[in-house]
Amino acid sequence: MDLLGNIIINTFSIVVLAVIGFYSHRHSIKRAVDDKLYMSILLITALMLVICIFGRLDGTGHAYYHSLNAAANFILFFTGPVVPCLWLTYVLHKIFQDREKTRRLLYVSAVYCGIYAAMLAISVPYAWFYYIDADNYYHKGPYFIAVIIIAVAPILIAMLSVIKNRKMIEGQHYRSFLIFPLPPMICIVLHTMFSGFFLVWNGVVLALLIIFLNVQDHNIYTDYLTEIYNRKKLEGYLEEKICKSTGSSDAFAAILLDLDNFKSINDIYGHGAGDEALRVSAKLLKDSLRYGDLVARFGGDEFFCVLEIRTMKELEDVAQRIKEQFQRFNESNKHSYQISFSMGYDLYDCRRQMGADEFEKHIDDLLYKDKCIQRQIRSIQAY
């Protein structure tokens, strides 16, 4: 591809990224880790598309262009594994929603990219990976395949992680995570076969567009702190479930959970500990439920779950599983505070023809009864 063609297609790709970036910035959750990772990938890709133009100055005779071509290709090679490592981190965070694991993976990725950068710097005088000849033409080096392996490895790990944990991923997200690597991988193969065909970063743009349309465009339904669904999503989902509930085959259940003495955690240990308690509670709830069940933050320290359950026995088993999850957390002594809660739950009975608001009120009444019982128990224990 000649320089003009490269400029045209890269400019178009940058415009696409600008549109995605503008929309993502307006609707992103500032503290959400996945949004930060996605925006980082997007910004690096846009920068690489600009640099890629200067790395396609093959055949221009001036020494200035030779230096520009060499510098641009070094930067392009230097950033080879950066986006794949960020993609791996993004995928694993989406699966596990564990900030500490994500932080550790970023450290490991930094070391991985640092070692590669050192190898690249050492290789330049020996033309191991690539070189620019006296006529200012780019050529692949004898160990060029090593660069490909280093860049592709994090992508393959991400794909294997997605397949291994597919039960933890929404269907639409699962398909998008598997499709994401295909456009850049196809472009990498073509570049390996034909040196003049370099559209890898354009392939990344297409992949980012796929993720934007199918995964990232969800922030209006996400609670910024706990990164679970918010009340807006819950209301729509609950109304949809009620409309579809016409008999026992469409039955479902709901659980409303309210943290006890949450204010005391804030007062004694600080608001940082309170925020952490909310995030921990959201994770414990998600770990207690099955794939397909919905967990949403209902209020300040309240969580609402909608479950694909048809019998009271199943519902009571889930309630017990939630209690055991929180009990194990409290017994672990990993934090200075403990989390206790009150809970209300019931099956939705379509014969009673309750709307979403009425059903929420019904569950809330059951929660209030449980809270009164818990207070009585604590009073007796204190006495």
Protein backbone atom coordinates (compact mmCIF):
# COMPACT_ATOMS: atom_id res chain seq x y z
CA MET A 1 0.00 0.00 0.00
CA ASP A 2 1.43 3.43 -0.96
CA LEU A 3 1.76 6.40 1.40
CA LEU A 4 -1.40 8.14 0.16
CA GLY A 5 -3.52 5.03 0.64
CA ASN A 6 -2.08 4.59 4.10
CA ILE A 7 -2.92 8.20 5.01
CA ILE A 8 -6.52 7.85 3.78
CA ILE A 9 -7.33 4.60 5.58
CA ASN A 10 -5.57 5.67 8.79
CA THR A 11 -7.35 9.02 8.82
CA PHE A 12 -10.69 7.26 8.43
CA SER A 13 -9.77 4.89 11.28
CA ILE A 14 -8.82 7.83 13.52
CA VAL A 15 -12.19 9.48 12.82
CA VAL A 16 -13.94 6.24 13.86
CA LEU A 17 -11.91 6.16 17.07
CA ALA A 18 -12.72 9.83 17.73
CA VAL A 19 -16.45 9.12 17.51
CA ILE A 20 -16.12 6.09 19.80
CA GLY A 21 -13.94 8.06 22.21
CA PHE A 22 -16.34 11.01 22.35
CA TYR A 23 -19.33 8.81 23.11
CA SER A 24 -17.37 6.65 25.57
CA HIS A 25 -16.09 9.71 27.45
CA ARG A 26 -19.59 11.14 27.81
CA HIS A 27 -21.05 7.89 29.14
CA SER A 28 -18.08 6.36 30.91
CA ILE A 29 -17.91 5.77 34.64
CA LYS A 30 -14.82 7.72 35.70
CA ARG A 31 -13.76 5.26 38.38
CA ALA A 32 -14.61 2.10 36.44
CA VAL A 33 -11.46 0.08 35.71
CA ASP A 34 -12.79 -1.44 32.49
CA ASP A 35 -13.59 2.01 31.07
CA LYS A 36 -10.07 3.23 31.86
CA LEU A 37 -8.54 0.18 30.20
CA TYR A 38 -10.76 0.50 27.12
CA MET A 39 -9.96 4.21 26.75
CA SER A 40 -6.23 3.46 27.13
CA ILE A 41 -6.39 0.93 24.30
CA LEU A 42 -8.33 3.41 22.17
CA LEU A 43 -5.89 6.29 22.74
CA ILE A 44 -2.80 4.14 22.10
CA THR A 45 -4.38 2.83 18.89
CA ALA A 46 -5.12 6.37 17.66
CA LEU A 47 -1.51 7.41 18.37
CA MET A 48 -0.15 4.35 16.57
CA LEU A 49 -2.26 5.12 13.50
CA VAL A 50 -0.63 8.55 13.29
CA ILE A 51 2.86 7.13 13.81
CA CYS A 52 2.12 4.38 11.29
CA ILE A 53 1.84 7.03 8.56
CA PHE A 54 5.42 8.12 9.27
CA GLY A 55 6.52 4.51 9.29
CA ARG A 56 5.46 4.08 5.67
CA LEU A 57 7.92 6.54 4.14
CA ASP A 58 9.65 3.78 2.17
CA GLY A 59 11.83 4.95 -0.70
CA THR A 60 11.96 8.66 0.15
CA GLY A 61 15.55 9.78 -0.35
CA HIS A 62 16.22 12.53 2.18
CA ALA A 63 18.14 11.63 5.35
CA TYR A 64 15.41 13.38 7.37
CA TYR A 65 12.81 10.91 6.06
CA HIS A 66 15.12 7.98 6.78
CA SER A 67 15.40 9.04 10.44
CA LEU A 68 11.64 9.60 10.65
CA ASN A 69 10.93 6.21 9.10
CA ALA A 70 13.35 4.48 11.48
CA ALA A 71 11.94 6.24 14.58
CA ALA A 72 8.33 5.51 13.60
CA ASN A 73 9.01 1.81 13.01
CA PHE A 74 10.85 1.54 16.34
CA ILE A 75 7.83 3.00 18.16
CA LEU A 76 5.46 0.68 16.29
CA PHE A 77 7.55 -2.35 17.28
CA PHE A 78 7.97 -1.00 20.82
CA THR A 79 4.20 -0.82 21.39
CA GLY A 80 3.59 -4.27 19.86
CA PRO A 81 2.69 -6.12 23.10
CA VAL A 82 1.21 -3.10 24.97
CA VAL A 83 -2.32 -3.24 23.56
CA PRO A 84 -2.48 -7.07 23.76
CA CYS A 85 -1.49 -6.87 27.46
CA LEU A 86 -4.11 -4.17 28.10
CA TRP A 87 -6.68 -6.31 26.27
CA LEU A 88 -5.84 -9.32 28.46
CA THR A 89 -6.20 -7.15 31.57
CA TYR A 90 -9.52 -5.75 30.30
CA VAL A 91 -10.95 -9.21 29.63
CA LEU A 92 -9.88 -10.68 32.98
CA HIS A 93 -11.27 -7.66 34.82
CA LYS A 94 -14.58 -8.06 32.99
CA ILE A 95 -14.69 -11.72 34.02
CA PHE A 96 -13.61 -11.51 37.66
CA GLN A 97 -14.26 -7.83 38.59
CA ASP A 98 -11.34 -8.01 41.02
CA ARG A 99 -9.41 -4.74 41.24
CA GLU A 100 -6.50 -6.25 43.16
CA LYS A 101 -6.00 -9.00 40.55
CA THR A 102 -6.24 -6.38 37.82
CA ARG A 103 -3.59 -4.25 39.53
CA ARG A 104 -1.23 -7.22 39.85
CA LEU A 105 -1.76 -8.15 36.20
CA LEU A 106 -0.88 -4.60 35.15
CA TYR A 107 2.40 -4.90 37.05
CA VAL A 108 3.16 -8.23 35.36
CA SER A 109 2.28 -6.72 31.98
CA ALA A 110 4.62 -3.79 32.61
CA VAL A 111 7.48 -6.21 33.35
CA TYR A 112 6.61 -8.26 30.24
CA CYS A 113 6.60 -5.17 28.01
CA GLY A 114 9.78 -3.85 29.69
CA ILE A 115 11.72 -7.04 28.95
CA TYR A 116 10.51 -6.94 25.35
CA ALA A 117 11.50 -3.25 25.05
CA ALA A 118 15.03 -4.09 26.24
CA MET A 119 15.26 -6.91 23.69
CA LEU A 120 14.08 -4.57 20.94
CA ALA A 121 16.59 -1.87 21.84
CA ILE A 122 19.44 -4.40 21.84
CA SER A 123 18.27 -5.87 18.52
CA VAL A 124 18.27 -2.65 16.49
CA PRO A 125 22.01 -2.61 15.58
CA TYR A 126 21.84 -6.30 14.66
CA ALA A 127 18.56 -6.07 12.65
CA TRP A 128 17.12 -9.10 14.42
CA PHE A 129 13.48 -8.03 14.16
CA TYR A 130 13.52 -5.44 11.34
CA TYR A 131 15.76 -2.93 9.61
CA ILE A 132 15.60 0.09 7.31
CA ASP A 133 18.03 -0.19 4.38
CA ALA A 134 20.13 2.54 2.80
CA ASP A 135 17.35 3.32 0.32
CA ASN A 136 14.92 3.89 3.22
CA TYR A 137 12.93 0.67 2.72
CA TYR A 138 11.57 -1.36 5.65
CA HIS A 139 12.45 -5.08 5.82
CA LYS A 140 11.57 -7.84 8.28
CA GLY A 141 14.51 -9.29 10.21
CA PRO A 142 15.39 -12.99 10.63
CA TYR A 143 13.70 -13.16 14.06
CA PHE A 144 10.63 -11.14 13.12
CA ILE A 145 8.41 -14.09 14.10
CA ALA A 146 9.54 -13.59 17.73
CA VAL A 147 7.83 -10.18 17.75
CA ILE A 148 4.63 -11.79 16.49
CA ILE A 149 4.75 -14.47 19.19
CA ILE A 150 5.37 -11.90 21.95
CA ALA A 151 2.45 -9.73 20.75
CA VAL A 152 0.01 -12.59 20.15
CA ALA A 153 0.67 -14.48 23.42
CA PRO A 154 -1.48 -12.18 25.65
CA ILE A 155 -4.29 -12.31 23.09
CA LEU A 156 -4.27 -16.11 23.09
CA ILE A 157 -4.26 -16.17 26.90
CA ALA A 158 -7.27 -13.83 26.86
CA MET A 159 -9.12 -16.12 24.43
CA LEU A 160 -8.39 -19.21 26.54
CA SER A 161 -9.54 -17.37 29.68
CA VAL A 162 -12.80 -16.40 27.97
CA ILE A 163 -13.46 -19.99 26.85
CA LYS A 164 -12.55 -21.42 30.27
CA ASN A 165 -14.81 -18.96 32.13
CA ARG A 166 -17.60 -18.76 29.56
CA LYS A 167 -20.26 -19.56 32.19
CA MET A 168 -19.36 -16.34 33.99
CA ILE A 169 -19.75 -14.17 30.87
CA GLU A 170 -22.93 -12.87 29.24
CA GLY A 171 -23.62 -14.46 25.87
CA GLN A 172 -23.22 -11.24 23.85
CA HIS A 173 -20.00 -10.37 25.69
CA TYR A 174 -18.66 -13.91 25.22
CA ARG A 175 -19.07 -13.76 21.45
CA SER A 176 -17.56 -10.28 21.27
CA PHE A 177 -14.52 -11.29 23.33
CA LEU A 178 -13.88 -14.19 20.95
CA ILE A 179 -14.37 -12.05 17.83
CA PHE A 180 -12.16 -9.15 19.03
CA PRO A 181 -8.79 -10.78 18.15
CA LEU A 182 -9.84 -11.85 14.65
CA PRO A 183 -9.45 -8.55 12.69
CA PRO A 184 -5.95 -7.70 14.04
CA MET A 185 -4.84 -11.36 13.84
CA ILE A 186 -5.86 -11.56 10.18
CA CYS A 187 -3.94 -8.35 9.51
CA ILE A 188 -0.89 -9.72 11.36
CA VAL A 189 -0.92 -12.85 9.19
CA LEU A 190 -1.20 -10.74 6.02
CA HIS A 191 1.68 -8.52 7.16
CA THR A 192 3.79 -11.60 7.87
CA MET A 193 3.15 -12.80 4.32
CA PHE A 194 3.33 -9.40 2.58
CA SER A 195 5.62 -6.70 4.04
CA GLY A 196 3.78 -3.89 2.27
CA PHE A 197 0.46 -4.86 3.81
CA PHE A 198 0.37 -3.25 7.25
CA LEU A 199 -3.18 -2.73 8.53
CA VAL A 200 -2.76 -4.23 12.01
CA TRP A 201 -3.84 -1.07 13.83
CA ASN A 202 -6.79 -0.65 11.48
CA GLY A 203 -7.79 -4.17 12.46
CA VAL A 204 -7.60 -3.10 16.12
CA VAL A 205 -9.98 -0.23 15.32
CA LEU A 206 -12.53 -2.68 13.92
CA ALA A 207 -12.11 -4.86 17.01
CA LEU A 208 -12.61 -1.85 19.32
CA LEU A 209 -15.77 -0.95 17.42
CA ILE A 210 -17.12 -4.47 18.00
CA ILE A 211 -16.42 -4.19 21.75
CA PHE A 212 -17.92 -0.71 21.89
CA LEU A 213 -21.18 -1.78 20.27
CA ASN A 214 -21.59 -5.03 22.21
CA VAL A 215 -19.82 -4.59 25.56
CA GLN A 216 -18.84 -1.02 26.44
CA ASP A 217 -22.18 0.61 25.63
CA HIS A 218 -23.66 -0.45 28.98
CA ASN A 219 -22.59 2.28 31.37
CA ILE A 220 -26.00 3.89 31.76
CA TYR A 221 -27.05 0.65 33.46
CA THR A 222 -23.97 0.19 35.69
CA ASP A 223 -23.39 1.34 39.25
CA TYR A 224 -20.09 3.24 39.23
CA LEU A 225 -18.88 1.99 42.64
CA THR A 226 -19.75 -1.71 42.67
CA GLU A 227 -19.76 -2.17 38.86
CA ILE A 228 -22.94 -4.23 39.05
CA TYR A 229 -26.26 -3.16 37.52
CA ASN A 230 -28.00 -0.06 38.84
CA ARG A 231 -31.64 0.56 39.68
CA LYS A 232 -32.43 1.81 36.17
CA LYS A 233 -31.45 -1.56 34.73
CA LEU A 234 -33.32 -3.38 37.51
CA GLU A 235 -36.58 -1.54 36.88
CA GLY A 236 -36.60 -2.35 33.18
CA TYR A 237 -35.53 -5.96 33.72
CA LEU A 238 -38.15 -6.55 36.44
CA GLU A 239 -40.95 -5.10 34.35
CA GLU A 240 -39.89 -7.33 31.45
CA LYS A 241 -39.88 -10.41 33.71
CA ILE A 242 -43.34 -9.58 35.06
CA CYS A 243 -44.76 -9.06 31.55
CA LYS A 244 -43.45 -12.49 30.50
CA SER A 245 -44.62 -14.24 33.66
CA THR A 246 -47.83 -16.05 32.74
CA GLY A 247 -47.43 -19.34 34.61
CA SER A 248 -45.13 -21.62 36.56
CA SER A 249 -42.77 -22.04 33.60
CA ASP A 250 -42.07 -18.28 33.65
CA ALA A 251 -41.82 -17.96 37.42
CA PHE A 252 -38.95 -16.09 39.03
CA ALA A 253 -37.89 -14.88 42.45
CA ALA A 254 -36.37 -11.81 44.04
CA ILE A 255 -34.13 -11.10 47.00
CA LEU A 256 -33.64 -7.70 48.66
CA LEU A 257 -30.62 -7.45 50.93
CA ASP A 258 -29.85 -4.53 53.25
CA LEU A 259 -26.51 -4.19 55.07
CA ASP A 260 -26.91 -3.83 58.84
CA ASN A 261 -25.11 -1.00 60.63
CA PHE A 262 -23.44 0.13 57.45
CA LYS A 263 -23.21 3.68 58.83
CA SER A 264 -21.02 2.42 61.67
CA ILE A 265 -18.47 1.05 59.15
CA ASN A 266 -18.23 4.53 57.61
CA ASP A 267 -18.05 6.24 61.00
CA ILE A 268 -15.47 3.93 62.57
CA TYR A 269 -13.27 2.88 59.63
CA GLY A 270 -13.88 5.70 57.14
CA HIS A 271 -15.76 6.05 53.87
CA GLY A 272 -13.04 4.15 52.01
CA ALA A 273 -13.85 1.08 54.09
CA GLY A 274 -17.54 1.69 53.48
CA ASP A 275 -17.01 1.75 49.72
CA GLU A 276 -14.94 -1.41 49.97
CA ALA A 277 -17.71 -3.10 52.01
CA LEU A 278 -20.20 -2.31 49.24
CA ARG A 279 -17.88 -3.71 46.55
CA VAL A 280 -17.22 -6.84 48.62
CA SER A 281 -20.95 -7.35 49.22
CA ALA A 282 -21.66 -7.06 45.48
CA LYS A 283 -18.98 -9.63 44.69
CA LEU A 284 -20.16 -12.04 47.39
CA LEU A 285 -23.70 -11.82 46.03
CA LYS A 286 -22.57 -12.47 42.45
CA ASP A 287 -20.51 -15.44 43.63
CA SER A 288 -23.57 -16.85 45.42
CA LEU A 289 -25.86 -16.73 42.39
CA ARG A 290 -25.98 -18.53 39.08
CA TYR A 291 -25.18 -17.31 35.60
CA GLY A 292 -28.21 -15.46 34.27
CA ASP A 293 -29.34 -14.10 37.65
CA LEU A 294 -29.34 -10.31 37.96
CA VAL A 295 -27.70 -8.40 40.82
CA ALA A 296 -28.29 -4.65 41.12
CA ARG A 297 -27.58 -1.94 43.62
CA PHE A 298 -31.04 -0.90 44.78
CA GLY A 299 -30.09 1.97 47.07
CA GLY A 300 -27.23 3.16 49.26
CA ASP A 301 -26.56 -0.13 51.04
CA GLU A 302 -29.30 -2.25 49.49
CA PHE A 303 -28.95 -4.89 46.78
CA PHE A 304 -31.74 -6.43 44.72
CA CYS A 305 -31.41 -9.83 43.00
CA VAL A 306 -33.74 -11.31 40.38
CA LEU A 307 -33.33 -15.07 40.07
CA GLU A 308 -34.43 -17.74 37.60
CA ILE A 309 -36.03 -19.84 40.36
CA ARG A 310 -39.44 -21.53 40.42
CA THR A 311 -39.75 -23.08 43.88
CA MET A 312 -39.48 -21.75 47.43
CA LYS A 313 -37.08 -24.58 48.30
CA GLU A 314 -34.62 -23.40 45.63
CA LEU A 315 -34.99 -19.82 46.84
CA GLU A 316 -34.32 -20.77 50.46
CA ASP A 317 -31.21 -22.69 49.34
CA VAL A 318 -29.90 -19.57 47.58
CA ALA A 319 -30.63 -17.43 50.64
CA GLN A 320 -28.66 -19.89 52.77
CA ARG A 321 -25.81 -19.89 50.25
CA ILE A 322 -25.63 -16.09 50.48
CA LYS A 323 -25.51 -16.24 54.28
CA GLU A 324 -22.70 -18.80 54.14
CA GLN A 325 -20.70 -16.65 51.69
CA PHE A 326 -20.87 -13.63 54.00
CA GLN A 327 -20.11 -15.81 57.03
CA ARG A 328 -16.95 -17.15 55.37
CA PHE A 329 -15.90 -13.59 54.58
CA ASN A 330 -16.40 -12.51 58.21
CA GLU A 331 -14.50 -15.54 59.51
CA SER A 332 -11.55 -14.89 57.20
CA ASN A 333 -10.50 -11.88 59.31
CA LYS A 334 -9.04 -10.20 56.21
CA HIS A 335 -10.74 -6.91 57.04
CA SER A 336 -11.17 -4.93 60.24
CA TYR A 337 -14.95 -4.84 59.83
CA GLN A 338 -17.64 -7.48 59.45
CA ILE A 339 -20.66 -7.39 57.16
CA SER A 340 -24.09 -8.42 58.40
CA PHE A 341 -27.40 -7.98 56.63
CA SER A 342 -31.15 -8.44 56.65
CA MET A 343 -32.92 -10.12 53.79
CA GLY A 344 -36.37 -10.33 52.25
CA TYR A 345 -37.24 -12.74 49.47
CA ASP A 346 -40.16 -14.38 47.71
CA LEU A 347 -41.38 -15.92 44.46
CA TYR A 348 -43.34 -13.79 42.03
CA ASP A 349 -46.92 -15.04 41.78
CA CYS A 350 -48.46 -13.95 38.48
CA ARG A 351 -51.95 -14.72 39.85
CA ARG A 352 -51.66 -11.76 42.20
CA GLN A 353 -51.00 -9.49 39.19
CA MET A 354 -48.53 -7.28 41.04
CA GLY A 355 -46.68 -4.65 39.05
CA ALA A 356 -42.96 -4.03 39.47
CA ASP A 357 -43.47 -1.35 42.12
CA GLU A 358 -45.88 -3.53 44.09
CA PHE A 359 -43.56 -6.52 43.96
CA GLU A 360 -40.61 -4.41 45.12
CA LYS A 361 -42.77 -3.08 47.98
CA HIS A 362 -43.75 -6.66 48.88
CA ILE A 363 -40.11 -7.75 49.05
CA ASP A 364 -39.24 -4.61 51.00
CA ASP A 365 -41.92 -5.46 53.59
CA LEU A 366 -40.42 -8.93 54.00
CA LEU A 367 -37.00 -7.31 54.44
CA TYR A 368 -38.40 -5.05 57.16
CA LYS A 369 -39.83 -8.06 59.02
CA ASP A 370 -36.46 -9.82 58.86
CA LYS A 371 -34.71 -6.66 60.07
CA CYS A 372 -37.03 -6.52 63.10
CA ILE A 373 -36.28 -10.17 63.88
CA GLN A 374 -32.52 -9.54 63.58
CA ARG A 375 -32.81 -6.59 66.00
CA GLN A 376 -34.69 -8.73 68.50
CA ILE A 377 -32.04 -11.46 68.25
CA ARG A 378 -29.24 -8.94 68.83
CA SER A 379 -31.11 -7.44 71.76
CA ILE A 380 -31.52 -10.87 73.38
CA GLN A 381 -27.84 -11.69 72.76
CA ALA A 382 -26.76 -8.36 74.25
CA TYR A 383 -28.98 -8.93 77.29
